[in-house]
Amino acid sequence: MTVYIILFRGVGGATQLPTKPLREALTAAGFKDVATYINSGNAVLSSRKSAASVTTDVAKIARQEFGFDKAVHVVTREEWADLIASNPFPKAVEVPKFLHAAVLAETPEEGRVEALRAFAKGGERIEVVGKVAYLHTPNGFGTSKLAEKFDKGIGVPNTARNWNTVIALAKMADAIK
């Protein structure tokens, strides 16, 4: 069995998928060890299926059961651990609400990240490592021009989560035996 972390694409803030019905729908579809995290559009589950099959199945459930038609990203527990280990801003975890990790559907076009850096103010930083963009916004994500411009500027579907959520999902995934 592979443990997967499921990230639903946010729309204007946290994705509002109801946790209990989502958990029930995923369990009814045959996924094991299903757990959901608050109303933030995250789930953890285990399956013998490939990541591609899990993505297809979960996206279909989200669309049919909840009318959710945005991107669904599926990351293995190992990939999530790599995301945490690859954080280029280790000192930023001291105030985790100012650090975000965005799982990218694909590598952004050349020049996209550099263009976004023009919006960075007051110590804000952005780095892309593999298919993850890390944003450090020390004055708050909600007031950041970099964060505001990130979604369209990066040019690929993504799911951004603050570092508190990143760590909580890692703990949930680690709890699955």
N, C-alpha and C. Protein backbone atom coordinates (compact mmCIF):
# COMPACT_ATOMS: atom_id res chain seq x y z
N MET A 1 0.84 -1.19 0.00
CA MET A 1 0.00 0.00 0.00
C MET A 1 0.88 1.24 0.00
N THR A 2 0.46 2.23 -0.75
CA THR A 2 1.15 3.51 -0.79
C THR A 2 0.29 4.53 -0.07
N VAL A 3 0.92 5.36 0.72
CA VAL A 3 0.21 6.44 1.41
C VAL A 3 0.29 7.69 0.53
N TYR A 4 -0.86 8.29 0.29
CA TYR A 4 -0.95 9.48 -0.55
C TYR A 4 -1.51 10.66 0.24
N ILE A 5 -1.03 11.83 -0.09
CA ILE A 5 -1.59 13.08 0.42
C ILE A 5 -2.32 13.70 -0.75
N ILE A 6 -3.58 14.06 -0.53
CA ILE A 6 -4.43 14.60 -1.58
C ILE A 6 -4.61 16.09 -1.31
N LEU A 7 -4.34 16.90 -2.31
CA LEU A 7 -4.49 18.35 -2.21
C LEU A 7 -5.48 18.82 -3.27
N PHE A 8 -6.52 19.47 -2.82
CA PHE A 8 -7.50 20.01 -3.75
C PHE A 8 -7.17 21.47 -4.00
N ARG A 9 -7.26 21.87 -5.24
CA ARG A 9 -6.91 23.23 -5.66
C ARG A 9 -7.81 24.23 -4.97
N GLY A 10 -7.24 25.19 -4.26
CA GLY A 10 -8.01 26.21 -3.55
C GLY A 10 -8.61 27.23 -4.49
N VAL A 11 -9.70 27.82 -4.09
CA VAL A 11 -10.35 28.88 -4.85
C VAL A 11 -10.62 30.02 -3.89
N GLY A 12 -9.84 31.10 -4.01
CA GLY A 12 -10.05 32.25 -3.13
C GLY A 12 -9.88 31.90 -1.67
N GLY A 13 -8.88 31.13 -1.35
CA GLY A 13 -8.64 30.71 0.02
C GLY A 13 -8.78 29.20 0.12
N ALA A 14 -9.10 28.73 1.28
CA ALA A 14 -9.19 27.28 1.50
C ALA A 14 -10.35 26.69 0.70
N THR A 15 -10.12 25.53 0.18
CA THR A 15 -11.16 24.79 -0.52
C THR A 15 -12.16 24.30 0.52
N GLN A 16 -13.41 24.49 0.24
CA GLN A 16 -14.43 24.10 1.21
C GLN A 16 -15.08 22.78 0.81
N LEU A 17 -14.36 21.70 1.01
CA LEU A 17 -14.93 20.37 0.84
C LEU A 17 -15.22 19.84 2.24
N PRO A 18 -16.45 19.45 2.49
CA PRO A 18 -16.80 19.00 3.85
C PRO A 18 -16.05 17.72 4.22
N THR A 19 -15.42 17.76 5.38
CA THR A 19 -14.51 16.68 5.76
C THR A 19 -15.19 15.33 5.90
N LYS A 20 -16.28 15.26 6.63
CA LYS A 20 -16.92 13.95 6.87
C LYS A 20 -17.47 13.35 5.57
N PRO A 21 -18.24 14.09 4.76
CA PRO A 21 -18.71 13.51 3.50
C PRO A 21 -17.56 13.14 2.55
N LEU A 22 -16.49 13.93 2.53
CA LEU A 22 -15.34 13.60 1.69
C LEU A 22 -14.71 12.30 2.16
N ARG A 23 -14.51 12.18 3.45
CA ARG A 23 -13.93 10.95 4.02
C ARG A 23 -14.81 9.74 3.70
N GLU A 24 -16.13 9.90 3.83
CA GLU A 24 -17.05 8.80 3.55
C GLU A 24 -17.03 8.43 2.06
N ALA A 25 -16.98 9.40 1.18
CA ALA A 25 -16.97 9.13 -0.26
C ALA A 25 -15.68 8.42 -0.68
N LEU A 26 -14.56 8.85 -0.13
CA LEU A 26 -13.28 8.21 -0.47
C LEU A 26 -13.22 6.78 0.08
N THR A 27 -13.76 6.57 1.27
CA THR A 27 -13.79 5.23 1.85
C THR A 27 -14.71 4.32 1.04
N ALA A 28 -15.88 4.84 0.64
CA ALA A 28 -16.83 4.05 -0.16
C ALA A 28 -16.22 3.66 -1.51
N ALA A 29 -15.28 4.48 -2.00
CA ALA A 29 -14.62 4.18 -3.29
C ALA A 29 -13.51 3.14 -3.14
N GLY A 30 -13.29 2.68 -1.92
CA GLY A 30 -12.30 1.62 -1.71
C GLY A 30 -10.95 2.07 -1.20
N PHE A 31 -10.79 3.36 -0.95
CA PHE A 31 -9.52 3.82 -0.38
C PHE A 31 -9.47 3.45 1.09
N LYS A 32 -8.29 3.22 1.60
CA LYS A 32 -8.08 2.79 2.99
C LYS A 32 -7.50 3.92 3.81
N ASP A 33 -7.65 3.83 5.14
CA ASP A 33 -7.02 4.75 6.09
C ASP A 33 -7.30 6.22 5.77
N VAL A 34 -8.51 6.51 5.31
CA VAL A 34 -8.83 7.87 4.88
C VAL A 34 -8.96 8.80 6.09
N ALA A 35 -8.26 9.91 6.02
CA ALA A 35 -8.36 10.96 7.03
C ALA A 35 -8.40 12.30 6.29
N THR A 36 -9.18 13.23 6.82
CA THR A 36 -9.25 14.55 6.20
C THR A 36 -8.75 15.58 7.21
N TYR A 37 -8.26 16.69 6.69
CA TYR A 37 -7.67 17.73 7.54
C TYR A 37 -8.51 18.99 7.45
N ILE A 38 -9.18 19.30 8.53
CA ILE A 38 -10.03 20.48 8.66
C ILE A 38 -10.88 20.64 7.40
N ASN A 39 -11.34 21.84 7.07
CA ASN A 39 -12.05 22.09 5.82
C ASN A 39 -11.10 22.75 4.82
N SER A 40 -9.91 22.21 4.71
CA SER A 40 -8.90 22.87 3.89
C SER A 40 -8.66 22.18 2.56
N GLY A 41 -9.43 21.18 2.23
CA GLY A 41 -9.22 20.52 0.96
C GLY A 41 -8.01 19.62 0.95
N ASN A 42 -7.79 18.90 2.02
CA ASN A 42 -6.70 17.96 2.11
C ASN A 42 -7.22 16.63 2.62
N ALA A 43 -6.60 15.58 2.17
CA ALA A 43 -6.93 14.25 2.68
C ALA A 43 -5.67 13.40 2.64
N VAL A 44 -5.66 12.38 3.46
CA VAL A 44 -4.59 11.38 3.46
C VAL A 44 -5.27 10.03 3.35
N LEU A 45 -4.71 9.14 2.52
CA LEU A 45 -5.30 7.82 2.36
C LEU A 45 -4.23 6.85 1.88
N SER A 46 -4.58 5.58 1.87
CA SER A 46 -3.66 4.59 1.32
C SER A 46 -4.38 3.79 0.24
N SER A 47 -3.60 3.30 -0.71
CA SER A 47 -4.16 2.56 -1.82
C SER A 47 -3.07 1.74 -2.51
N ARG A 48 -3.49 0.69 -3.18
CA ARG A 48 -2.57 -0.10 -4.01
C ARG A 48 -2.48 0.48 -5.42
N LYS A 49 -3.31 1.45 -5.73
CA LYS A 49 -3.33 2.06 -7.06
C LYS A 49 -2.15 3.00 -7.28
N SER A 50 -1.87 3.27 -8.54
CA SER A 50 -0.82 4.23 -8.89
C SER A 50 -1.30 5.65 -8.57
N ALA A 51 -0.37 6.58 -8.48
CA ALA A 51 -0.72 7.98 -8.23
C ALA A 51 -1.65 8.51 -9.33
N ALA A 52 -1.40 8.12 -10.56
CA ALA A 52 -2.25 8.58 -11.67
C ALA A 52 -3.68 8.07 -11.51
N SER A 53 -3.85 6.81 -11.12
CA SER A 53 -5.19 6.25 -10.91
C SER A 53 -5.88 6.91 -9.72
N VAL A 54 -5.14 7.13 -8.65
CA VAL A 54 -5.71 7.80 -7.47
C VAL A 54 -6.17 9.21 -7.85
N THR A 55 -5.35 9.92 -8.61
CA THR A 55 -5.70 11.27 -9.05
C THR A 55 -7.00 11.25 -9.85
N THR A 56 -7.10 10.35 -10.81
CA THR A 56 -8.31 10.24 -11.63
C THR A 56 -9.53 9.91 -10.79
N ASP A 57 -9.40 8.93 -9.92
CA ASP A 57 -10.53 8.50 -9.09
C ASP A 57 -10.97 9.58 -8.12
N VAL A 58 -10.02 10.23 -7.46
CA VAL A 58 -10.36 11.26 -6.48
C VAL A 58 -10.98 12.47 -7.18
N ALA A 59 -10.43 12.86 -8.33
CA ALA A 59 -10.99 13.99 -9.08
C ALA A 59 -12.43 13.70 -9.50
N LYS A 60 -12.69 12.46 -9.91
CA LYS A 60 -14.05 12.06 -10.31
C LYS A 60 -15.01 12.14 -9.12
N ILE A 61 -14.58 11.64 -7.97
CA ILE A 61 -15.41 11.71 -6.76
C ILE A 61 -15.68 13.16 -6.38
N ALA A 62 -14.64 13.98 -6.40
CA ALA A 62 -14.79 15.39 -6.02
C ALA A 62 -15.76 16.11 -6.96
N ARG A 63 -15.68 15.80 -8.24
CA ARG A 63 -16.56 16.42 -9.23
C ARG A 63 -17.99 15.93 -9.06
N GLN A 64 -18.18 14.61 -8.97
CA GLN A 64 -19.53 14.05 -8.90
C GLN A 64 -20.22 14.31 -7.56
N GLU A 65 -19.49 14.18 -6.48
CA GLU A 65 -20.10 14.30 -5.14
C GLU A 65 -20.19 15.74 -4.64
N PHE A 66 -19.22 16.59 -5.06
CA PHE A 66 -19.14 17.93 -4.47
C PHE A 66 -19.12 19.06 -5.51
N GLY A 67 -19.20 18.71 -6.80
CA GLY A 67 -19.17 19.72 -7.84
C GLY A 67 -17.83 20.43 -7.96
N PHE A 68 -16.78 19.78 -7.49
CA PHE A 68 -15.44 20.38 -7.50
C PHE A 68 -14.78 20.08 -8.83
N ASP A 69 -14.45 21.13 -9.60
CA ASP A 69 -13.90 20.92 -10.93
C ASP A 69 -12.50 21.51 -11.11
N LYS A 70 -11.78 21.72 -10.03
CA LYS A 70 -10.42 22.25 -10.09
C LYS A 70 -9.42 21.10 -10.01
N ALA A 71 -8.14 21.45 -10.08
CA ALA A 71 -7.08 20.44 -10.06
C ALA A 71 -7.01 19.71 -8.73
N VAL A 72 -6.68 18.44 -8.82
CA VAL A 72 -6.42 17.61 -7.65
C VAL A 72 -4.98 17.13 -7.78
N HIS A 73 -4.18 17.34 -6.74
CA HIS A 73 -2.80 16.89 -6.75
C HIS A 73 -2.64 15.74 -5.76
N VAL A 74 -1.94 14.71 -6.19
CA VAL A 74 -1.71 13.54 -5.36
C VAL A 74 -0.21 13.38 -5.19
N VAL A 75 0.23 13.31 -3.95
CA VAL A 75 1.65 13.24 -3.62
C VAL A 75 1.86 12.06 -2.67
N THR A 76 2.89 11.26 -2.91
CA THR A 76 3.16 10.16 -1.99
C THR A 76 3.76 10.70 -0.69
N ARG A 77 3.70 9.88 0.35
CA ARG A 77 4.30 10.26 1.63
C ARG A 77 5.79 10.57 1.43
N GLU A 78 6.47 9.79 0.61
CA GLU A 78 7.90 10.00 0.36
C GLU A 78 8.14 11.33 -0.35
N GLU A 79 7.31 11.64 -1.34
CA GLU A 79 7.45 12.92 -2.04
C GLU A 79 7.19 14.09 -1.09
N TRP A 80 6.24 13.91 -0.18
CA TRP A 80 5.93 14.96 0.80
C TRP A 80 7.13 15.15 1.75
N ALA A 81 7.76 14.06 2.16
CA ALA A 81 8.95 14.16 3.01
C ALA A 81 10.06 14.90 2.27
N ASP A 82 10.21 14.63 0.98
CA ASP A 82 11.20 15.36 0.17
C ASP A 82 10.88 16.84 0.09
N LEU A 83 9.58 17.17 -0.03
CA LEU A 83 9.14 18.56 -0.06
C LEU A 83 9.59 19.27 1.22
N ILE A 84 9.41 18.62 2.35
CA ILE A 84 9.81 19.21 3.64
C ILE A 84 11.33 19.35 3.71
N ALA A 85 12.04 18.30 3.31
CA ALA A 85 13.50 18.32 3.39
C ALA A 85 14.12 19.32 2.42
N SER A 86 13.45 19.61 1.32
CA SER A 86 14.01 20.51 0.30
C SER A 86 13.72 21.98 0.55
N ASN A 87 13.06 22.31 1.62
CA ASN A 87 12.72 23.69 1.93
C ASN A 87 13.97 24.57 1.88
N PRO A 88 14.03 25.53 0.95
CA PRO A 88 15.22 26.37 0.84
C PRO A 88 15.28 27.49 1.88
N PHE A 89 14.25 27.62 2.70
CA PHE A 89 14.19 28.67 3.71
C PHE A 89 14.05 28.07 5.11
N PRO A 90 15.03 27.30 5.59
CA PRO A 90 14.85 26.59 6.86
C PRO A 90 14.58 27.51 8.05
N LYS A 91 15.11 28.71 8.06
CA LYS A 91 14.86 29.62 9.18
C LYS A 91 13.43 30.14 9.19
N ALA A 92 12.77 30.08 8.04
CA ALA A 92 11.39 30.58 7.94
C ALA A 92 10.41 29.71 8.72
N VAL A 93 10.77 28.47 9.03
CA VAL A 93 9.83 27.61 9.76
C VAL A 93 9.64 28.07 11.20
N GLU A 94 10.45 29.03 11.65
CA GLU A 94 10.27 29.57 13.00
C GLU A 94 8.90 30.26 13.12
N VAL A 95 8.40 30.82 12.03
CA VAL A 95 7.06 31.39 11.97
C VAL A 95 6.37 30.73 10.77
N PRO A 96 5.86 29.50 10.98
CA PRO A 96 5.40 28.69 9.85
C PRO A 96 4.24 29.27 9.05
N LYS A 97 3.47 30.16 9.63
CA LYS A 97 2.34 30.71 8.87
C LYS A 97 2.82 31.63 7.74
N PHE A 98 4.09 32.03 7.76
CA PHE A 98 4.62 32.89 6.72
C PHE A 98 5.37 32.12 5.64
N LEU A 99 5.40 30.79 5.75
CA LEU A 99 6.04 29.95 4.75
C LEU A 99 4.98 29.08 4.10
N HIS A 100 4.97 29.07 2.78
CA HIS A 100 4.02 28.26 2.02
C HIS A 100 4.76 27.38 1.03
N ALA A 101 4.21 26.21 0.79
CA ALA A 101 4.73 25.32 -0.23
C ALA A 101 3.59 25.07 -1.22
N ALA A 102 3.87 25.26 -2.49
CA ALA A 102 2.86 25.04 -3.53
C ALA A 102 3.31 23.89 -4.42
N VAL A 103 2.55 22.81 -4.41
CA VAL A 103 2.83 21.68 -5.30
C VAL A 103 2.38 22.09 -6.69
N LEU A 104 3.28 22.00 -7.66
CA LEU A 104 3.00 22.44 -9.02
C LEU A 104 2.65 21.25 -9.90
N ALA A 105 1.68 21.42 -10.80
CA ALA A 105 1.29 20.35 -11.70
C ALA A 105 2.41 20.02 -12.67
N GLU A 106 3.22 20.99 -13.00
CA GLU A 106 4.34 20.80 -13.91
C GLU A 106 5.36 21.90 -13.66
N THR A 107 6.51 21.79 -14.29
CA THR A 107 7.55 22.80 -14.12
C THR A 107 7.11 24.08 -14.84
N PRO A 108 7.23 25.24 -14.17
CA PRO A 108 6.82 26.49 -14.81
C PRO A 108 7.73 26.83 -16.00
N GLU A 109 7.18 27.58 -16.93
CA GLU A 109 7.96 28.04 -18.08
C GLU A 109 9.14 28.88 -17.60
N GLU A 110 10.20 28.84 -18.38
CA GLU A 110 11.38 29.63 -18.04
C GLU A 110 11.00 31.11 -17.96
N GLY A 111 11.51 31.77 -16.96
CA GLY A 111 11.27 33.19 -16.77
C GLY A 111 10.11 33.52 -15.84
N ARG A 112 9.23 32.56 -15.57
CA ARG A 112 8.06 32.84 -14.72
C ARG A 112 8.47 33.19 -13.29
N VAL A 113 9.35 32.40 -12.72
CA VAL A 113 9.76 32.63 -11.32
C VAL A 113 10.52 33.95 -11.22
N GLU A 114 11.39 34.22 -12.18
CA GLU A 114 12.14 35.47 -12.18
C GLU A 114 11.19 36.67 -12.25
N ALA A 115 10.14 36.58 -13.07
CA ALA A 115 9.16 37.66 -13.18
C ALA A 115 8.43 37.87 -11.85
N LEU A 116 8.13 36.79 -11.16
CA LEU A 116 7.45 36.91 -9.87
C LEU A 116 8.35 37.58 -8.83
N ARG A 117 9.63 37.33 -8.91
CA ARG A 117 10.56 37.94 -7.92
C ARG A 117 10.49 39.46 -7.93
N ALA A 118 10.07 40.05 -9.03
CA ALA A 118 9.95 41.51 -9.11
C ALA A 118 8.90 42.04 -8.13
N PHE A 119 7.95 41.18 -7.71
CA PHE A 119 6.91 41.60 -6.77
C PHE A 119 7.32 41.42 -5.31
N ALA A 120 8.45 40.77 -5.07
CA ALA A 120 8.89 40.49 -3.70
C ALA A 120 9.31 41.78 -3.00
N LYS A 121 8.76 42.01 -1.84
CA LYS A 121 9.07 43.20 -1.03
C LYS A 121 9.27 42.77 0.42
N GLY A 122 10.03 43.55 1.17
CA GLY A 122 10.16 43.32 2.61
C GLY A 122 10.67 41.95 3.00
N GLY A 123 11.65 41.43 2.28
CA GLY A 123 12.24 40.14 2.62
C GLY A 123 11.51 38.94 2.05
N GLU A 124 10.50 39.17 1.21
CA GLU A 124 9.79 38.05 0.58
C GLU A 124 10.71 37.34 -0.40
N ARG A 125 10.52 36.02 -0.48
CA ARG A 125 11.35 35.22 -1.38
C ARG A 125 10.52 34.11 -1.99
N ILE A 126 10.95 33.69 -3.18
CA ILE A 126 10.34 32.55 -3.85
C ILE A 126 11.46 31.72 -4.46
N GLU A 127 11.35 30.42 -4.29
CA GLU A 127 12.27 29.47 -4.92
C GLU A 127 11.46 28.28 -5.38
N VAL A 128 11.84 27.73 -6.51
CA VAL A 128 11.21 26.50 -7.01
C VAL A 128 12.25 25.40 -6.95
N VAL A 129 11.89 24.31 -6.28
CA VAL A 129 12.74 23.13 -6.18
C VAL A 129 11.93 21.97 -6.75
N GLY A 130 12.35 21.46 -7.88
CA GLY A 130 11.58 20.41 -8.53
C GLY A 130 10.21 20.94 -8.92
N LYS A 131 9.16 20.30 -8.44
CA LYS A 131 7.80 20.74 -8.75
C LYS A 131 7.13 21.35 -7.52
N VAL A 132 7.93 22.05 -6.71
CA VAL A 132 7.39 22.72 -5.53
C VAL A 132 7.92 24.15 -5.52
N ALA A 133 7.00 25.10 -5.36
CA ALA A 133 7.39 26.49 -5.18
C ALA A 133 7.26 26.82 -3.70
N TYR A 134 8.31 27.38 -3.13
CA TYR A 134 8.32 27.79 -1.73
C TYR A 134 8.23 29.31 -1.70
N LEU A 135 7.28 29.83 -0.93
CA LEU A 135 7.12 31.27 -0.79
C LEU A 135 7.30 31.63 0.68
N HIS A 136 8.20 32.57 0.94
CA HIS A 136 8.38 33.08 2.28
C HIS A 136 7.89 34.52 2.28
N THR A 137 6.83 34.78 3.05
CA THR A 137 6.22 36.11 3.10
C THR A 137 6.20 36.59 4.55
N PRO A 138 7.34 37.17 5.04
CA PRO A 138 7.45 37.49 6.46
C PRO A 138 6.47 38.55 6.97
N ASN A 139 5.80 39.27 6.09
CA ASN A 139 4.82 40.26 6.53
C ASN A 139 3.39 39.74 6.40
N GLY A 140 3.25 38.46 6.09
CA GLY A 140 1.92 37.85 5.98
C GLY A 140 1.56 37.54 4.54
N PHE A 141 0.95 36.40 4.34
CA PHE A 141 0.58 35.95 3.01
C PHE A 141 -0.52 36.83 2.43
N GLY A 142 -1.47 37.24 3.26
CA GLY A 142 -2.62 38.03 2.80
C GLY A 142 -2.26 39.42 2.34
N THR A 143 -1.14 39.96 2.77
CA THR A 143 -0.74 41.31 2.38
C THR A 143 0.38 41.31 1.35
N SER A 144 0.76 40.16 0.86
CA SER A 144 1.91 40.03 -0.02
C SER A 144 1.53 40.19 -1.50
N LYS A 145 2.20 41.12 -2.20
CA LYS A 145 2.03 41.24 -3.65
C LYS A 145 2.55 39.99 -4.34
N LEU A 146 3.64 39.44 -3.83
CA LEU A 146 4.20 38.21 -4.40
C LEU A 146 3.16 37.09 -4.34
N ALA A 147 2.54 36.92 -3.17
CA ALA A 147 1.52 35.88 -3.01
C ALA A 147 0.31 36.17 -3.91
N GLU A 148 -0.08 37.44 -3.98
CA GLU A 148 -1.22 37.83 -4.81
C GLU A 148 -0.99 37.50 -6.29
N LYS A 149 0.21 37.74 -6.76
CA LYS A 149 0.55 37.53 -8.17
C LYS A 149 0.99 36.10 -8.46
N PHE A 150 1.26 35.31 -7.43
CA PHE A 150 1.82 33.97 -7.60
C PHE A 150 0.98 33.08 -8.49
N ASP A 151 -0.29 32.99 -8.20
CA ASP A 151 -1.15 32.01 -8.86
C ASP A 151 -1.13 32.14 -10.38
N LYS A 152 -1.40 33.33 -10.88
CA LYS A 152 -1.37 33.52 -12.34
C LYS A 152 0.06 33.62 -12.85
N GLY A 153 0.93 34.19 -12.05
CA GLY A 153 2.30 34.39 -12.48
C GLY A 153 3.08 33.10 -12.67
N ILE A 154 2.80 32.09 -11.84
CA ILE A 154 3.55 30.83 -11.96
C ILE A 154 3.10 30.07 -13.22
N GLY A 155 1.85 30.28 -13.63
CA GLY A 155 1.39 29.76 -14.91
C GLY A 155 1.04 28.29 -14.97
N VAL A 156 1.01 27.60 -13.86
CA VAL A 156 0.62 26.19 -13.85
C VAL A 156 -0.30 25.95 -12.65
N PRO A 157 -1.23 24.98 -12.77
CA PRO A 157 -2.08 24.66 -11.61
C PRO A 157 -1.20 24.27 -10.41
N ASN A 158 -1.62 24.71 -9.25
CA ASN A 158 -0.84 24.43 -8.04
C ASN A 158 -1.74 24.40 -6.84
N THR A 159 -1.22 23.86 -5.76
CA THR A 159 -1.94 23.85 -4.49
C THR A 159 -0.99 24.34 -3.42
N ALA A 160 -1.22 25.54 -2.94
CA ALA A 160 -0.36 26.14 -1.91
C ALA A 160 -0.91 25.82 -0.53
N ARG A 161 -0.03 25.45 0.39
CA ARG A 161 -0.40 25.18 1.77
C ARG A 161 0.63 25.84 2.68
N ASN A 162 0.15 26.40 3.79
CA ASN A 162 1.12 26.98 4.72
C ASN A 162 1.87 25.88 5.45
N TRP A 163 2.99 26.25 6.05
CA TRP A 163 3.88 25.24 6.62
C TRP A 163 3.24 24.47 7.76
N ASN A 164 2.35 25.10 8.52
CA ASN A 164 1.64 24.37 9.58
C ASN A 164 0.85 23.20 8.98
N THR A 165 0.18 23.45 7.86
CA THR A 165 -0.59 22.40 7.19
C THR A 165 0.35 21.35 6.60
N VAL A 166 1.46 21.78 6.02
CA VAL A 166 2.45 20.85 5.46
C VAL A 166 2.87 19.84 6.53
N ILE A 167 3.20 20.34 7.71
CA ILE A 167 3.67 19.47 8.80
C ILE A 167 2.52 18.60 9.33
N ALA A 168 1.32 19.16 9.46
CA ALA A 168 0.17 18.38 9.95
C ALA A 168 -0.13 17.22 8.99
N LEU A 169 -0.07 17.46 7.70
CA LEU A 169 -0.32 16.39 6.73
C LEU A 169 0.77 15.33 6.79
N ALA A 170 1.99 15.74 7.01
CA ALA A 170 3.09 14.76 7.16
C ALA A 170 2.83 13.86 8.37
N LYS A 171 2.40 14.44 9.46
CA LYS A 171 2.11 13.64 10.66
C LYS A 171 0.94 12.69 10.42
N MET A 172 -0.08 13.16 9.70
CA MET A 172 -1.21 12.29 9.40
C MET A 172 -0.77 11.13 8.53
N ALA A 173 0.07 11.41 7.53
CA ALA A 173 0.55 10.35 6.64
C ALA A 173 1.43 9.37 7.40
N ASP A 174 2.26 9.88 8.29
CA ASP A 174 3.14 9.01 9.08
C ASP A 174 2.37 8.11 10.04
N ALA A 175 1.16 8.53 10.41
CA ALA A 175 0.35 7.74 11.35
C ALA A 175 -0.25 6.51 10.68
N ILE A 176 -0.27 6.50 9.34
CA ILE A 176 -0.80 5.33 8.62
C ILE A 176 0.28 4.28 8.55
N LYS A 177 -0.01 3.13 9.02
CA LYS A 177 0.98 2.02 9.04
C LYS A 177 1.01 1.29 7.74
